[in-house]
Amino acid sequence: MGSCNQGQSGRRAAQRGFGSQLTSMSGFTHLTGYGKGQPPMLLFGPYVDFVAVGFGLIAVLAALDYRRRTGKGQHIDLSQYESGIQFIAPVLLDAQVNRRIHHPHGNRDPHAVPHGAYRCKGEDQWCVIAVFNDEEWHAFCRASDHPALAADSRFATHDARKAHEDELDRLIAEWTCHLAAGDIMKRLQAAGVRAGIVQSVEDLFSCPQLVHRQQWRKLDHPEFGSYEYEAPPFILSETPADLSRRSPLLGEHNDYVFGEVAGLSRDEIQKLKEEGVIA
């Protein structure tokens, strides 16, 4: 399989690039941000790289199945650019069929209101809340101790709430800012309303769910000491992954790789070390 930015044919096949460039070219950046004259925002990390992996895996499995049936192999030409475009298929279809062009709209959603991240009590604490129908809206009003809002004509229907979304967001933020994010999440979830805390990276290491599933495995490292490693995000019932090997030191396995795998002699390996080719 050959995986590159824009495929191995066409005018831009040889054009160099990186994750953020492809994210922008494939439309993600255009759809991300707050709109209203604000600049678009880049997604976290080389997002298209992550997307392309899934399509690459599907292609490899298809090629392996073809080999099983025919005894012949295939060459896979994977374009990360095109993989990214596949991931926004609903937006493309909406433009083709309905002539509706999507634009960035922050944390809002056309099918839900309220829909956003609201500041909570404490430093940089947030809770996301999403209400998709009138039943959930009434449940939110009861759970947030604002029953009068359910009868307010400005917020009585989805369309009405959309028309007054700025005002609604302000009212919700006035409520959430006095409460802990976790308490808001539990209260709303208990009422059947979608809600979740915004966890920091630090929070992840103490998340009860991740701790229960042993997502973090502590190993000893000769340079870093006791260190937590991230385990695979899956558990195999018959062959569970045993994360028992720490990350290697620079050149730690050179003798094995160049000796046993590559078949070089001790003298040849030593010469490579002396010449600075390997550590």
C-alpha atoms as a PDB file:
ATOM      1  CA  MET A   1       0.000   0.000   0.000  1.00  0.00           C
ATOM      2  CA  GLY A   2       1.205   3.461  -0.881  1.00  0.00           C
ATOM      3  CA  SER A   3      -0.221   6.237   1.285  1.00  0.00           C
ATOM      4  CA  CYS A   4       0.540   9.858   0.467  1.00  0.00           C
ATOM      5  CA  ASN A   5      -1.042  13.282   0.568  1.00  0.00           C
ATOM      6  CA  GLN A   6      -3.022  13.397  -2.670  1.00  0.00           C
ATOM      7  CA  GLY A   7      -2.542   9.992  -4.248  1.00  0.00           C
ATOM      8  CA  GLN A   8       0.126   8.741  -6.636  1.00  0.00           C
ATOM      9  CA  SER A   9      -1.341  10.155  -9.839  1.00  0.00           C
ATOM     10  CA  GLY A  10      -2.611  13.516 -11.036  1.00  0.00           C
ATOM     11  CA  ARG A  11      -1.118  17.004 -11.148  1.00  0.00           C
ATOM     12  CA  ARG A  12      -0.542  17.272  -7.409  1.00  0.00           C
ATOM     13  CA  ALA A  13       0.703  13.746  -6.753  1.00  0.00           C
ATOM     14  CA  ALA A  14       4.223  14.963  -5.974  1.00  0.00           C
ATOM     15  CA  GLN A  15       3.125  17.935  -3.880  1.00  0.00           C
ATOM     16  CA  ARG A  16       4.427  17.736  -0.331  1.00  0.00           C
ATOM     17  CA  GLY A  17       2.150  18.427   2.566  1.00  0.00           C
ATOM     18  CA  PHE A  18       1.209  17.839   6.158  1.00  0.00           C
ATOM     19  CA  GLY A  19      -1.861  17.164   8.289  1.00  0.00           C
ATOM     20  CA  SER A  20      -3.153  20.709   8.783  1.00  0.00           C
ATOM     21  CA  GLN A  21      -2.790  21.480   5.078  1.00  0.00           C
ATOM     22  CA  LEU A  22      -4.878  18.467   4.084  1.00  0.00           C
ATOM     23  CA  THR A  23      -7.437  19.209   6.800  1.00  0.00           C
ATOM     24  CA  SER A  24      -7.910  22.639   5.254  1.00  0.00           C
ATOM     25  CA  MET A  25      -7.983  21.398   1.660  1.00  0.00           C
ATOM     26  CA  SER A  26     -10.596  18.726   2.388  1.00  0.00           C
ATOM     27  CA  GLY A  27     -13.111  21.177   3.843  1.00  0.00           C
ATOM     28  CA  PHE A  28     -12.810  20.512   7.579  1.00  0.00           C
ATOM     29  CA  THR A  29     -11.314  23.910   8.401  1.00  0.00           C
ATOM     30  CA  HIS A  30     -14.013  25.719   6.413  1.00  0.00           C
ATOM     31  CA  LEU A  31     -16.646  24.039   8.596  1.00  0.00           C
ATOM     32  CA  THR A  32     -14.865  24.624  11.911  1.00  0.00           C
ATOM     33  CA  GLY A  33     -15.005  27.836  13.908  1.00  0.00           C
ATOM     34  CA  TYR A  34     -17.497  30.415  15.125  1.00  0.00           C
ATOM     35  CA  GLY A  35     -18.409  32.043  11.813  1.00  0.00           C
ATOM     36  CA  LYS A  36     -19.795  35.597  11.788  1.00  0.00           C
ATOM     37  CA  GLY A  37     -16.594  37.021  10.331  1.00  0.00           C
ATOM     38  CA  GLN A  38     -14.318  34.981  12.598  1.00  0.00           C
ATOM     39  CA  PRO A  39     -11.418  33.089  10.991  1.00  0.00           C
ATOM     40  CA  PRO A  40     -11.807  29.331  10.508  1.00  0.00           C
ATOM     41  CA  MET A  41     -10.108  27.019  12.999  1.00  0.00           C
ATOM     42  CA  LEU A  42      -7.753  24.107  12.480  1.00  0.00           C
ATOM     43  CA  LEU A  43      -8.718  20.792  14.025  1.00  0.00           C
ATOM     44  CA  PHE A  44      -6.535  19.229  16.684  1.00  0.00           C
ATOM     45  CA  GLY A  45      -3.561  17.343  15.273  1.00  0.00           C
ATOM     46  CA  PRO A  46      -3.187  15.870  11.767  1.00  0.00           C
ATOM     47  CA  TYR A  47      -6.845  14.853  11.667  1.00  0.00           C
ATOM     48  CA  VAL A  48      -6.864  13.554   8.089  1.00  0.00           C
ATOM     49  CA  ASP A  49      -4.001  11.211   9.001  1.00  0.00           C
ATOM     50  CA  PHE A  50      -6.279   9.554  11.548  1.00  0.00           C
ATOM     51  CA  VAL A  51      -9.170   9.350   9.091  1.00  0.00           C
ATOM     52  CA  ALA A  52      -7.041   7.805   6.335  1.00  0.00           C
ATOM     53  CA  VAL A  53      -5.955   4.932   8.587  1.00  0.00           C
ATOM     54  CA  GLY A  54      -9.503   3.546   8.666  1.00  0.00           C
ATOM     55  CA  PHE A  55      -9.853   3.616   4.885  1.00  0.00           C
ATOM     56  CA  GLY A  56      -6.388   2.097   4.528  1.00  0.00           C
ATOM     57  CA  LEU A  57      -7.375  -0.799   6.779  1.00  0.00           C
ATOM     58  CA  ILE A  58     -10.518  -1.441   4.732  1.00  0.00           C
ATOM     59  CA  ALA A  59      -8.470  -1.416   1.520  1.00  0.00           C
ATOM     60  CA  VAL A  60      -5.898  -3.847   2.949  1.00  0.00           C
ATOM     61  CA  LEU A  61      -8.630  -6.251   4.073  1.00  0.00           C
ATOM     62  CA  ALA A  62     -10.253  -6.066   0.626  1.00  0.00           C
ATOM     63  CA  ALA A  63      -6.911  -6.768  -1.071  1.00  0.00           C
ATOM     64  CA  LEU A  64      -6.224  -9.701   1.269  1.00  0.00           C
ATOM     65  CA  ASP A  65      -9.642 -11.151   0.475  1.00  0.00           C
ATOM     66  CA  TYR A  66      -8.898 -10.773  -3.247  1.00  0.00           C
ATOM     67  CA  ARG A  67      -5.598 -12.601  -2.771  1.00  0.00           C
ATOM     68  CA  ARG A  68      -7.353 -15.375  -0.852  1.00  0.00           C
ATOM     69  CA  ARG A  69      -9.814 -15.863  -3.700  1.00  0.00           C
ATOM     70  CA  THR A  70      -7.491 -15.426  -6.679  1.00  0.00           C
ATOM     71  CA  GLY A  71      -3.943 -15.900  -5.417  1.00  0.00           C
ATOM     72  CA  LYS A  72      -3.042 -12.475  -6.840  1.00  0.00           C
ATOM     73  CA  GLY A  73      -1.985  -9.332  -5.020  1.00  0.00           C
ATOM     74  CA  GLN A  74      -2.965  -5.706  -5.539  1.00  0.00           C
ATOM     75  CA  HIS A  75      -1.350  -2.306  -5.169  1.00  0.00           C
ATOM     76  CA  ILE A  76      -3.301   0.145  -3.010  1.00  0.00           C
ATOM     77  CA  ASP A  77      -3.032   3.854  -3.838  1.00  0.00           C
ATOM     78  CA  LEU A  78      -4.419   5.648  -0.764  1.00  0.00           C
ATOM     79  CA  SER A  79      -5.014   9.404  -0.893  1.00  0.00           C
ATOM     80  CA  GLN A  80      -5.289  11.115   2.486  1.00  0.00           C
ATOM     81  CA  TYR A  81      -6.880  14.133   0.791  1.00  0.00           C
ATOM     82  CA  GLU A  82      -9.695  12.004  -0.631  1.00  0.00           C
ATOM     83  CA  SER A  83     -10.063  10.147   2.676  1.00  0.00           C
ATOM     84  CA  GLY A  84     -10.764  13.446   4.389  1.00  0.00           C
ATOM     85  CA  ILE A  85     -13.407  14.372   1.825  1.00  0.00           C
ATOM     86  CA  GLN A  86     -15.147  11.032   2.416  1.00  0.00           C
ATOM     87  CA  PHE A  87     -15.574  12.010   6.057  1.00  0.00           C
ATOM     88  CA  ILE A  88     -17.734  15.060   5.236  1.00  0.00           C
ATOM     89  CA  ALA A  89     -20.033  13.165   2.849  1.00  0.00           C
ATOM     90  CA  PRO A  90     -23.297  14.450   4.450  1.00  0.00           C
ATOM     91  CA  VAL A  91     -22.202  18.054   3.907  1.00  0.00           C
ATOM     92  CA  LEU A  92     -21.293  17.312   0.286  1.00  0.00           C
ATOM     93  CA  LEU A  93     -24.630  15.596  -0.355  1.00  0.00           C
ATOM     94  CA  ASP A  94     -26.518  18.518   1.179  1.00  0.00           C
ATOM     95  CA  ALA A  95     -24.700  20.869  -1.187  1.00  0.00           C
ATOM     96  CA  GLN A  96     -25.317  18.665  -4.238  1.00  0.00           C
ATOM     97  CA  VAL A  97     -28.958  17.792  -3.644  1.00  0.00           C
ATOM     98  CA  ASN A  98     -30.333  20.721  -1.652  1.00  0.00           C
ATOM     99  CA  ARG A  99     -27.921  23.463  -2.789  1.00  0.00           C
ATOM    100  CA  ARG A 100     -27.361  24.184   0.895  1.00  0.00           C
ATOM    101  CA  ILE A 101     -23.822  25.274   1.753  1.00  0.00           C
ATOM    102  CA  HIS A 102     -22.711  24.680   5.325  1.00  0.00           C
ATOM    103  CA  HIS A 103     -20.733  27.270   7.257  1.00  0.00           C
ATOM    104  CA  PRO A 104     -19.090  27.220  10.690  1.00  0.00           C
ATOM    105  CA  HIS A 105     -21.456  27.902  13.569  1.00  0.00           C
ATOM    106  CA  GLY A 106     -19.374  27.316  16.678  1.00  0.00           C
ATOM    107  CA  ASN A 107     -20.797  24.733  19.055  1.00  0.00           C
ATOM    108  CA  ARG A 108     -24.320  25.087  17.742  1.00  0.00           C
ATOM    109  CA  ASP A 109     -26.233  22.447  15.815  1.00  0.00           C
ATOM    110  CA  PRO A 110     -29.121  22.919  13.365  1.00  0.00           C
ATOM    111  CA  HIS A 111     -31.043  20.029  14.931  1.00  0.00           C
ATOM    112  CA  ALA A 112     -30.576  20.856  18.625  1.00  0.00           C
ATOM    113  CA  VAL A 113     -31.070  23.915  20.806  1.00  0.00           C
ATOM    114  CA  PRO A 114     -29.631  24.582  23.303  1.00  0.00           C
ATOM    115  CA  HIS A 115     -26.440  22.960  22.061  1.00  0.00           C
ATOM    116  CA  GLY A 116     -23.115  24.177  23.420  1.00  0.00           C
ATOM    117  CA  ALA A 117     -20.421  24.210  26.070  1.00  0.00           C
ATOM    118  CA  TYR A 118     -21.305  26.264  29.127  1.00  0.00           C
ATOM    119  CA  ARG A 119     -18.915  27.642  31.728  1.00  0.00           C
ATOM    120  CA  CYS A 120     -19.316  26.143  35.190  1.00  0.00           C
ATOM    121  CA  LYS A 121     -18.078  26.880  38.703  1.00  0.00           C
ATOM    122  CA  GLY A 122     -14.291  26.705  39.036  1.00  0.00           C
ATOM    123  CA  GLU A 123     -11.374  27.556  36.793  1.00  0.00           C
ATOM    124  CA  ASP A 124     -11.853  26.518  33.157  1.00  0.00           C
ATOM    125  CA  GLN A 125     -14.679  24.105  33.987  1.00  0.00           C
ATOM    126  CA  TRP A 126     -17.296  23.418  31.323  1.00  0.00           C
ATOM    127  CA  CYS A 127     -20.304  21.224  30.673  1.00  0.00           C
ATOM    128  CA  VAL A 128     -21.757  20.472  27.249  1.00  0.00           C
ATOM    129  CA  ILE A 129     -25.540  20.355  26.933  1.00  0.00           C
ATOM    130  CA  ALA A 130     -27.682  19.277  23.968  1.00  0.00           C
ATOM    131  CA  VAL A 131     -31.479  19.347  23.663  1.00  0.00           C
ATOM    132  CA  PHE A 132     -32.976  17.800  20.517  1.00  0.00           C
ATOM    133  CA  ASN A 133     -36.740  18.019  21.041  1.00  0.00           C
ATOM    134  CA  ASP A 134     -39.462  19.656  23.109  1.00  0.00           C
ATOM    135  CA  GLU A 135     -39.704  16.715  25.508  1.00  0.00           C
ATOM    136  CA  GLU A 136     -36.016  17.042  26.347  1.00  0.00           C
ATOM    137  CA  TRP A 137     -36.448  20.811  26.649  1.00  0.00           C
ATOM    138  CA  HIS A 138     -39.178  20.404  29.264  1.00  0.00           C
ATOM    139  CA  ALA A 139     -36.972  17.897  31.114  1.00  0.00           C
ATOM    140  CA  PHE A 140     -34.109  20.395  31.040  1.00  0.00           C
ATOM    141  CA  CYS A 141     -36.311  23.154  32.457  1.00  0.00           C
ATOM    142  CA  ARG A 142     -37.412  20.931  35.340  1.00  0.00           C
ATOM    143  CA  ALA A 143     -33.904  19.633  36.083  1.00  0.00           C
ATOM    144  CA  SER A 144     -32.412  23.129  36.027  1.00  0.00           C
ATOM    145  CA  ASP A 145     -35.103  24.511  38.351  1.00  0.00           C
ATOM    146  CA  HIS A 146     -36.401  26.812  35.617  1.00  0.00           C
ATOM    147  CA  PRO A 147     -39.927  25.473  34.971  1.00  0.00           C
ATOM    148  CA  ALA A 148     -41.096  28.901  33.808  1.00  0.00           C
ATOM    149  CA  LEU A 149     -38.848  28.684  30.748  1.00  0.00           C
ATOM    150  CA  ALA A 150     -40.917  25.790  29.407  1.00  0.00           C
ATOM    151  CA  ALA A 151     -43.943  28.087  29.199  1.00  0.00           C
ATOM    152  CA  ASP A 152     -42.001  31.029  27.761  1.00  0.00           C
ATOM    153  CA  SER A 153     -43.162  31.613  24.177  1.00  0.00           C
ATOM    154  CA  ARG A 154     -39.615  32.534  23.144  1.00  0.00           C
ATOM    155  CA  PHE A 155     -38.485  28.974  23.851  1.00  0.00           C
ATOM    156  CA  ALA A 156     -41.679  26.941  23.378  1.00  0.00           C
ATOM    157  CA  THR A 157     -40.588  25.189  20.154  1.00  0.00           C
ATOM    158  CA  HIS A 158     -37.376  24.271  18.396  1.00  0.00           C
ATOM    159  CA  ASP A 159     -37.811  27.092  15.871  1.00  0.00           C
ATOM    160  CA  ALA A 160     -38.576  29.590  18.624  1.00  0.00           C
ATOM    161  CA  ARG A 161     -35.503  28.545  20.591  1.00  0.00           C
ATOM    162  CA  LYS A 162     -33.392  28.864  17.455  1.00  0.00           C
ATOM    163  CA  ALA A 163     -34.690  32.380  16.875  1.00  0.00           C
ATOM    164  CA  HIS A 164     -33.703  33.351  20.438  1.00  0.00           C
ATOM    165  CA  GLU A 165     -30.600  31.178  20.763  1.00  0.00           C
ATOM    166  CA  ASP A 166     -28.270  33.954  21.926  1.00  0.00           C
ATOM    167  CA  GLU A 167     -30.618  34.872  24.753  1.00  0.00           C
ATOM    168  CA  LEU A 168     -31.156  31.224  25.672  1.00  0.00           C
ATOM    169  CA  ASP A 169     -27.421  30.555  25.845  1.00  0.00           C
ATOM    170  CA  ARG A 170     -27.015  33.554  28.134  1.00  0.00           C
ATOM    171  CA  LEU A 171     -29.729  32.312  30.522  1.00  0.00           C
ATOM    172  CA  ILE A 172     -28.237  28.820  30.667  1.00  0.00           C
ATOM    173  CA  ALA A 173     -24.740  30.199  31.272  1.00  0.00           C
ATOM    174  CA  GLU A 174     -26.091  32.261  34.180  1.00  0.00           C
ATOM    175  CA  TRP A 175     -27.303  28.996  35.736  1.00  0.00           C
ATOM    176  CA  THR A 176     -24.274  26.795  35.024  1.00  0.00           C
ATOM    177  CA  CYS A 177     -21.661  29.273  36.249  1.00  0.00           C
ATOM    178  CA  HIS A 178     -22.759  28.720  39.862  1.00  0.00           C
ATOM    179  CA  LEU A 179     -22.608  24.902  39.784  1.00  0.00           C
ATOM    180  CA  ALA A 180     -19.920  22.249  39.382  1.00  0.00           C
ATOM    181  CA  ALA A 181     -19.758  20.701  35.911  1.00  0.00           C
ATOM    182  CA  GLY A 182     -20.042  17.175  37.292  1.00  0.00           C
ATOM    183  CA  ASP A 183     -23.168  18.036  39.279  1.00  0.00           C
ATOM    184  CA  ILE A 184     -24.812  19.577  36.218  1.00  0.00           C
ATOM    185  CA  MET A 185     -23.995  16.516  34.126  1.00  0.00           C
ATOM    186  CA  LYS A 186     -25.446  14.085  36.680  1.00  0.00           C
ATOM    187  CA  ARG A 187     -28.581  16.159  37.210  1.00  0.00           C
ATOM    188  CA  LEU A 188     -29.339  16.512  33.502  1.00  0.00           C
ATOM    189  CA  GLN A 189     -28.482  12.931  32.598  1.00  0.00           C
ATOM    190  CA  ALA A 190     -30.795  11.710  35.359  1.00  0.00           C
ATOM    191  CA  ALA A 191     -33.558  13.736  33.698  1.00  0.00           C
ATOM    192  CA  GLY A 192     -32.848  12.245  30.265  1.00  0.00           C
ATOM    193  CA  VAL A 193     -31.011  15.271  28.873  1.00  0.00           C
ATOM    194  CA  ARG A 194     -27.729  14.876  27.013  1.00  0.00           C
ATOM    195  CA  ALA A 195     -24.902  16.431  29.036  1.00  0.00           C
ATOM    196  CA  GLY A 196     -21.231  15.778  29.705  1.00  0.00           C
ATOM    197  CA  ILE A 197     -18.300  17.438  31.404  1.00  0.00           C
ATOM    198  CA  VAL A 198     -15.372  18.731  29.361  1.00  0.00           C
ATOM    199  CA  GLN A 199     -12.427  16.769  30.706  1.00  0.00           C
ATOM    200  CA  SER A 200      -8.865  18.049  30.657  1.00  0.00           C
ATOM    201  CA  VAL A 201      -5.943  15.802  29.783  1.00  0.00           C
ATOM    202  CA  GLU A 202      -5.162  15.652  33.495  1.00  0.00           C
ATOM    203  CA  ASP A 203      -8.714  14.470  34.215  1.00  0.00           C
ATOM    204  CA  LEU A 204      -8.284  11.481  31.911  1.00  0.00           C
ATOM    205  CA  PHE A 205      -5.712   9.853  34.181  1.00  0.00           C
ATOM    206  CA  SER A 206      -8.225   9.676  37.033  1.00  0.00           C
ATOM    207  CA  CYS A 207     -11.377   8.971  34.996  1.00  0.00           C
ATOM    208  CA  PRO A 208     -13.159   6.076  36.808  1.00  0.00           C
ATOM    209  CA  GLN A 209     -14.198   4.420  33.542  1.00  0.00           C
ATOM    210  CA  LEU A 210     -10.662   4.415  32.139  1.00  0.00           C
ATOM    211  CA  VAL A 211      -9.234   3.237  35.458  1.00  0.00           C
ATOM    212  CA  HIS A 212     -11.750   0.368  35.539  1.00  0.00           C
ATOM    213  CA  ARG A 213     -10.756  -0.744  32.040  1.00  0.00           C
ATOM    214  CA  GLN A 214      -7.044  -0.459  32.877  1.00  0.00           C
ATOM    215  CA  GLN A 215      -6.406   2.058  30.132  1.00  0.00           C
ATOM    216  CA  TRP A 216      -3.310   3.248  31.997  1.00  0.00           C
ATOM    217  CA  ARG A 217      -0.636   0.643  32.797  1.00  0.00           C
ATOM    218  CA  LYS A 218       2.238   1.582  35.095  1.00  0.00           C
ATOM    219  CA  LEU A 219       5.693   0.311  34.118  1.00  0.00           C
ATOM    220  CA  ASP A 220       9.200   1.085  35.334  1.00  0.00           C
ATOM    221  CA  HIS A 221      11.556   2.892  32.971  1.00  0.00           C
ATOM    222  CA  PRO A 222      15.316   3.227  33.586  1.00  0.00           C
ATOM    223  CA  GLU A 223      15.288   6.951  32.724  1.00  0.00           C
ATOM    224  CA  PHE A 224      11.775   8.134  33.641  1.00  0.00           C
ATOM    225  CA  GLY A 225      11.069   5.905  36.621  1.00  0.00           C
ATOM    226  CA  SER A 226       7.520   4.674  37.186  1.00  0.00           C
ATOM    227  CA  TYR A 227       5.508   5.764  34.157  1.00  0.00           C
ATOM    228  CA  GLU A 228       1.926   5.258  32.955  1.00  0.00           C
ATOM    229  CA  TYR A 229       1.490   3.889  29.438  1.00  0.00           C
ATOM    230  CA  GLU A 230      -1.699   3.955  27.405  1.00  0.00           C
ATOM    231  CA  ALA A 231      -3.091   0.485  26.694  1.00  0.00           C
ATOM    232  CA  PRO A 232      -4.925  -0.516  23.470  1.00  0.00           C
ATOM    233  CA  PRO A 233      -8.522   0.789  23.296  1.00  0.00           C
ATOM    234  CA  PHE A 234      -9.931  -2.741  22.978  1.00  0.00           C
ATOM    235  CA  ILE A 235     -10.015  -5.927  25.062  1.00  0.00           C
ATOM    236  CA  LEU A 236      -9.846  -9.327  23.349  1.00  0.00           C
ATOM    237  CA  SER A 237     -11.801 -11.943  25.303  1.00  0.00           C
ATOM    238  CA  GLU A 238      -9.386 -14.809  24.614  1.00  0.00           C
ATOM    239  CA  THR A 239      -6.105 -12.985  24.039  1.00  0.00           C
ATOM    240  CA  PRO A 240      -6.138  -9.755  26.070  1.00  0.00           C
ATOM    241  CA  ALA A 241      -3.178  -7.503  25.380  1.00  0.00           C
ATOM    242  CA  ASP A 242      -0.485  -7.665  28.056  1.00  0.00           C
ATOM    243  CA  LEU A 243       1.340  -4.352  28.143  1.00  0.00           C
ATOM    244  CA  SER A 244       4.520  -5.488  29.848  1.00  0.00           C
ATOM    245  CA  ARG A 245       7.315  -3.910  27.796  1.00  0.00           C
ATOM    246  CA  ARG A 246       8.331  -0.311  28.410  1.00  0.00           C
ATOM    247  CA  SER A 247       9.362   2.082  25.633  1.00  0.00           C
ATOM    248  CA  PRO A 248      12.919   1.304  24.448  1.00  0.00           C
ATOM    249  CA  LEU A 249      16.033   3.345  24.983  1.00  0.00           C
ATOM    250  CA  LEU A 250      17.855   4.811  21.994  1.00  0.00           C
ATOM    251  CA  GLY A 251      19.623   1.955  20.219  1.00  0.00           C
ATOM    252  CA  GLU A 252      18.645  -0.587  22.872  1.00  0.00           C
ATOM    253  CA  HIS A 253      17.652  -3.245  20.338  1.00  0.00           C
ATOM    254  CA  ASN A 254      20.230  -2.482  17.655  1.00  0.00           C
ATOM    255  CA  ASP A 255      22.137  -5.714  18.212  1.00  0.00           C
ATOM    256  CA  TYR A 256      18.948  -7.739  17.821  1.00  0.00           C
ATOM    257  CA  VAL A 257      17.619  -5.844  14.791  1.00  0.00           C
ATOM    258  CA  PHE A 258      20.888  -5.562  12.859  1.00  0.00           C
ATOM    259  CA  GLY A 259      22.270  -8.870  14.059  1.00  0.00           C
ATOM    260  CA  GLU A 260      19.472 -11.423  14.264  1.00  0.00           C
ATOM    261  CA  VAL A 261      17.002  -9.769  11.874  1.00  0.00           C
ATOM    262  CA  ALA A 262      19.313  -8.144   9.294  1.00  0.00           C
ATOM    263  CA  GLY A 263      22.054 -10.774   9.659  1.00  0.00           C
ATOM    264  CA  LEU A 264      25.021  -8.425  10.161  1.00  0.00           C
ATOM    265  CA  SER A 265      28.086  -9.644  12.016  1.00  0.00           C
ATOM    266  CA  ARG A 266      29.253  -8.127  15.311  1.00  0.00           C
ATOM    267  CA  ASP A 267      32.127  -6.424  13.489  1.00  0.00           C
ATOM    268  CA  GLU A 268      29.767  -4.900  10.933  1.00  0.00           C
ATOM    269  CA  ILE A 269      27.448  -3.626  13.661  1.00  0.00           C
ATOM    270  CA  GLN A 270      30.378  -2.166  15.584  1.00  0.00           C
ATOM    271  CA  LYS A 271      31.597  -0.390  12.457  1.00  0.00           C
ATOM    272  CA  LEU A 272      28.162   1.193  11.951  1.00  0.00           C
ATOM    273  CA  LYS A 273      28.259   2.432  15.542  1.00  0.00           C
ATOM    274  CA  GLU A 274      31.754   3.888  15.157  1.00  0.00           C
ATOM    275  CA  GLU A 275      30.734   5.670  11.955  1.00  0.00           C
ATOM    276  CA  GLY A 276      27.684   7.163  13.681  1.00  0.00           C
ATOM    277  CA  VAL A 277      25.218   5.378  11.417  1.00  0.00           C
ATOM    278  CA  ILE A 278      23.448   3.804  14.406  1.00  0.00           C
ATOM    279  CA  ALA A 279      23.465   4.612  18.109  1.00  0.00           C
END
